[in-house]
Amino acid sequence: MIGIVPFASLGHADHGWLDARHHFSFAEYHDPARMGFGPLRVWNDDTVAPGTGFGMHPHRDMEIITYVRDGAITHEDHLGNAGRTGAGDIQVMSAGTGIMHAEWNREAVPTRLFQIWIRPHTAGVRPRWEQRRFPKADRTGVLVPLASGRDADLQAGALMIHQDATLYGATVAAGQTVSHELAPGRRAYLVVSRGTVDLNGRPLGERDGAAIRDVDRIAVTAGTEAEILLADLP
């Protein structure tokens, strides 16, 4: 089963400094049919205006992955962590027992990002934050693990999360196909960050999503040069 989630159908909140689209219920957007997908609870598609951002605020017991599409985001937290994550790169925060953090767009251009929340398999872990560069050239035509709780993916360089899940990224040339085998009982959520693709015979446009389950093999063929993210989930 593949459920297409068109970008136009996403929840929407325009705060002026923040233009937010929600794949799942979040804040004032509530849809009982979109409360998450397995442990995937949030996939927000945010545009943050230059010189603005999220002031210091708390999180708890959530794995929060930020993928920057354009621009950069600057992170600060009460543990003393600070860093700038640029386009194509990843930051991961395990909120665990509690963390206070802020994220700012200190660039001269809008920052566009995906913020992805995954429920951890264990509550009350020690809070942490880290980031890593993932050059797009290294994932041309191949799904590269960006964040994961699986040993093989961590050894391949993925950032650690506290869940049996993996977020993959790939850049795909026009006409090229990337594929992924989905183990029995697992599901996946795919979002097109850029371009257009064909997913197992179903067309997807830029920033569309797809909820996938009861499928053995996922095949993504780019109609135009494309960039995709795929979350493999229990």
Protein backbone atom coordinates (compact mmCIF):
# COMPACT_ATOMS: atom_id res chain seq x y z
CA MET A 1 0.00 0.00 0.00
CA ILE A 2 1.30 3.43 -0.99
CA GLY A 3 -0.62 6.46 0.22
CA ILE A 4 0.34 9.64 -1.63
CA VAL A 5 0.41 12.80 0.50
CA PRO A 6 0.36 15.80 -1.90
CA PHE A 7 2.14 18.94 -0.75
CA ALA A 8 -1.08 20.92 -1.29
CA SER A 9 -2.86 18.71 1.28
CA LEU A 10 -0.41 19.38 4.12
CA GLY A 11 -1.42 21.34 7.19
CA HIS A 12 -0.33 24.98 6.90
CA ALA A 13 0.53 27.74 9.35
CA ASP A 14 2.00 31.06 8.21
CA HIS A 15 3.47 32.99 11.15
CA GLY A 16 5.18 35.59 8.99
CA TRP A 17 8.71 34.73 10.06
CA LEU A 18 7.89 31.00 9.76
CA ASP A 19 5.93 29.37 6.94
CA ALA A 20 5.24 25.83 8.14
CA ARG A 21 3.70 22.83 6.40
CA HIS A 22 2.82 19.71 8.40
CA HIS A 23 2.70 16.13 7.09
CA PHE A 24 1.18 15.09 10.44
CA SER A 25 -0.92 16.80 13.11
CA PHE A 26 1.16 19.46 14.84
CA ALA A 27 0.42 22.50 17.02
CA GLU A 28 -2.89 24.02 15.82
CA TYR A 29 -3.16 21.65 12.84
CA HIS A 30 -5.08 18.53 13.81
CA ASP A 31 -6.21 15.73 11.52
CA PRO A 32 -7.15 12.43 13.24
CA ALA A 33 -6.14 10.59 10.06
CA ARG A 34 -2.64 12.09 10.24
CA MET A 35 -1.34 11.43 13.75
CA GLY A 36 1.94 9.85 12.69
CA PHE A 37 3.23 6.74 10.96
CA GLY A 38 4.66 4.12 13.29
CA PRO A 39 7.17 5.93 15.52
CA LEU A 40 7.34 8.84 13.03
CA ARG A 41 5.32 11.57 14.73
CA VAL A 42 6.26 14.82 12.96
CA TRP A 43 7.54 15.80 9.51
CA ASN A 44 7.44 19.56 9.19
CA ASP A 45 8.41 21.45 6.03
CA ASP A 46 9.53 24.84 7.33
CA THR A 47 10.72 28.08 5.72
CA VAL A 48 12.40 30.39 8.25
CA ALA A 49 12.87 34.06 7.31
CA PRO A 50 16.36 35.62 7.55
CA GLY A 51 17.29 36.91 11.00
CA THR A 52 14.51 35.00 12.76
CA GLY A 53 14.09 31.64 14.45
CA PHE A 54 12.83 29.57 17.34
CA GLY A 55 13.75 31.03 20.75
CA MET A 56 14.80 28.85 23.67
CA HIS A 57 12.14 26.18 24.29
CA PRO A 58 11.96 22.68 25.81
CA HIS A 59 11.62 19.16 24.40
CA ARG A 60 11.48 15.77 26.07
CA ASP A 61 11.61 12.10 24.98
CA MET A 62 11.81 12.67 21.23
CA GLU A 63 14.47 12.10 18.56
CA ILE A 64 14.50 15.31 16.50
CA ILE A 65 16.24 15.27 13.12
CA THR A 66 16.73 18.46 11.13
CA TYR A 67 17.55 18.23 7.42
CA VAL A 68 18.45 21.58 5.84
CA ARG A 69 17.24 21.97 2.24
CA ASP A 70 18.49 25.53 1.62
CA GLY A 71 20.35 28.07 3.74
CA ALA A 72 21.49 27.06 7.23
CA ILE A 73 20.22 26.74 10.80
CA THR A 74 22.21 27.69 13.91
CA HIS A 75 21.59 25.63 17.05
CA GLU A 76 22.18 26.53 20.72
CA ASP A 77 21.14 24.56 23.81
CA HIS A 78 21.41 24.64 27.60
CA LEU A 79 24.07 21.90 27.54
CA GLY A 80 26.49 24.29 25.82
CA ASN A 81 26.20 22.80 22.34
CA ALA A 82 26.25 25.23 19.42
CA GLY A 83 26.67 24.79 15.70
CA ARG A 84 25.60 25.79 12.21
CA THR A 85 24.09 23.14 9.92
CA GLY A 86 24.13 23.97 6.21
CA ALA A 87 22.14 22.78 3.20
CA GLY A 88 22.19 19.02 2.68
CA ASP A 89 23.50 18.33 6.17
CA ILE A 90 21.91 16.84 9.29
CA GLN A 91 21.60 17.62 12.97
CA VAL A 92 20.13 15.22 15.52
CA MET A 93 18.91 16.01 19.02
CA SER A 94 17.88 13.36 21.54
CA ALA A 95 15.63 15.30 23.90
CA GLY A 96 15.55 12.46 26.47
CA THR A 97 15.07 13.65 30.05
CA GLY A 98 14.76 17.23 28.80
CA ILE A 99 16.63 19.81 26.76
CA MET A 100 16.23 23.55 26.17
CA HIS A 101 17.32 24.73 22.74
CA ALA A 102 17.00 27.53 20.20
CA GLU A 103 17.38 27.50 16.41
CA TRP A 104 18.03 30.62 14.34
CA ASN A 105 18.38 31.52 10.70
CA ARG A 106 21.37 33.83 10.85
CA GLU A 107 21.71 33.82 7.06
CA ALA A 108 20.79 36.58 4.59
CA VAL A 109 18.39 34.25 2.75
CA PRO A 110 15.43 32.11 3.84
CA THR A 111 16.30 28.74 5.35
CA ARG A 112 14.21 25.80 4.20
CA LEU A 113 14.33 22.61 6.22
CA PHE A 114 12.57 19.43 7.21
CA GLN A 115 12.18 18.79 10.92
CA ILE A 116 11.45 15.14 11.66
CA TRP A 117 10.42 13.81 15.08
CA ILE A 118 10.67 10.11 15.87
CA ARG A 119 9.53 8.59 19.15
CA PRO A 120 12.44 6.82 20.91
CA HIS A 121 12.31 3.17 21.90
CA THR A 122 13.48 4.13 25.40
CA ALA A 123 12.27 7.07 27.50
CA GLY A 124 14.54 9.11 29.75
CA VAL A 125 17.81 8.88 27.83
CA ARG A 126 20.57 11.41 28.36
CA PRO A 127 19.96 14.49 26.17
CA ARG A 128 22.46 15.06 23.37
CA TRP A 129 23.02 16.95 20.12
CA GLU A 130 25.32 16.40 17.15
CA GLN A 131 25.62 17.34 13.51
CA ARG A 132 27.44 16.02 10.46
CA ARG A 133 28.11 17.01 6.87
CA PHE A 134 26.73 14.70 4.19
CA PRO A 135 28.01 15.92 0.80
CA LYS A 136 25.34 15.40 -1.85
CA ALA A 137 27.94 14.10 -4.28
CA ASP A 138 28.48 11.10 -1.97
CA ARG A 139 24.82 10.04 -2.29
CA THR A 140 24.33 10.37 -6.04
CA GLY A 141 22.29 7.38 -7.14
CA VAL A 142 22.47 5.65 -3.77
CA LEU A 143 20.50 5.83 -0.53
CA VAL A 144 22.92 6.88 2.22
CA PRO A 145 21.95 6.45 5.91
CA LEU A 146 21.86 9.89 7.54
CA ALA A 147 20.41 9.07 10.97
CA SER A 148 19.78 5.64 12.43
CA GLY A 149 19.55 3.40 15.45
CA ARG A 150 20.89 0.39 13.54
CA ASP A 151 24.49 -0.76 14.02
CA ALA A 152 25.35 -1.22 10.33
CA ASP A 153 24.13 2.29 9.49
CA LEU A 154 26.00 3.83 12.43
CA GLN A 155 29.19 2.14 11.27
CA ALA A 156 28.55 3.65 7.83
CA GLY A 157 28.53 7.14 9.36
CA ALA A 158 24.90 7.84 10.21
CA LEU A 159 24.10 10.00 13.23
CA MET A 160 22.64 8.00 16.12
CA ILE A 161 18.98 8.01 17.15
CA HIS A 162 17.29 5.93 19.85
CA GLN A 163 14.96 3.96 17.58
CA ASP A 164 15.13 0.98 15.20
CA ALA A 165 14.70 3.33 12.24
CA THR A 166 16.87 4.83 9.52
CA LEU A 167 16.56 8.08 7.60
CA TYR A 168 18.18 7.76 4.17
CA GLY A 169 18.98 10.47 1.63
CA ALA A 170 19.75 10.26 -2.09
CA THR A 171 20.24 12.55 -5.05
CA VAL A 172 18.95 11.00 -8.27
CA ALA A 173 19.74 12.06 -11.83
CA ALA A 174 16.91 12.32 -14.35
CA GLY A 175 16.01 8.82 -15.52
CA GLN A 176 18.04 7.14 -12.77
CA THR A 177 16.46 4.68 -10.31
CA VAL A 178 17.32 3.98 -6.68
CA SER A 179 15.71 1.09 -4.83
CA HIS A 180 15.28 -0.10 -1.27
CA GLU A 181 14.17 -3.47 0.08
CA LEU A 182 11.64 -3.17 2.89
CA ALA A 183 11.81 -6.04 5.40
CA PRO A 184 8.57 -7.83 6.34
CA GLY A 185 6.54 -5.91 8.89
CA ARG A 186 8.33 -2.60 8.28
CA ARG A 187 7.02 0.57 6.71
CA ALA A 188 8.54 3.67 5.12
CA TYR A 189 7.78 7.35 4.63
CA LEU A 190 9.26 9.12 1.60
CA VAL A 191 9.42 12.85 0.88
CA VAL A 192 10.70 14.48 -2.31
CA SER A 193 12.93 17.35 -1.25
CA ARG A 194 13.56 18.50 -4.81
CA GLY A 195 12.44 17.53 -8.30
CA THR A 196 9.91 14.95 -9.47
CA VAL A 197 9.98 11.16 -9.18
CA ASP A 198 8.05 7.99 -9.95
CA LEU A 199 7.54 5.76 -6.89
CA ASN A 200 6.60 2.19 -7.83
CA GLY A 201 4.63 3.61 -10.76
CA ARG A 202 3.10 6.51 -8.81
CA PRO A 203 4.12 10.10 -9.68
CA LEU A 204 5.34 12.40 -6.89
CA GLY A 205 6.10 16.11 -7.13
CA GLU A 206 8.45 18.30 -5.15
CA ARG A 207 7.67 18.24 -1.38
CA ASP A 208 5.04 15.52 -1.79
CA GLY A 209 5.10 12.61 0.65
CA ALA A 210 4.23 8.92 0.50
CA ALA A 211 3.31 6.48 3.28
CA ILE A 212 4.45 2.98 2.30
CA ARG A 213 3.62 -0.36 3.89
CA ASP A 214 3.04 -3.97 2.81
CA VAL A 215 5.54 -3.39 0.00
CA ASP A 216 8.68 -5.51 -0.48
CA ARG A 217 10.65 -3.22 -2.78
CA ILE A 218 10.63 0.55 -3.19
CA ALA A 219 11.84 1.84 -6.57
CA VAL A 220 12.24 5.59 -7.12
CA THR A 221 12.93 6.85 -10.64
CA ALA A 222 13.67 10.55 -11.10
CA GLY A 223 11.69 12.42 -13.74
CA THR A 224 13.95 15.44 -13.25
CA GLU A 225 17.10 15.68 -11.14
CA ALA A 226 15.74 14.92 -7.67
CA GLU A 227 16.62 14.73 -4.00
CA ILE A 228 14.70 12.35 -1.73
CA LEU A 229 14.52 11.36 1.92
CA LEU A 230 13.26 7.94 2.98
CA ALA A 231 12.52 6.88 6.56
CA ASP A 232 12.57 3.08 7.11
CA LEU A 233 10.44 2.46 10.20
CA PRO A 234 9.26 -0.38 12.45
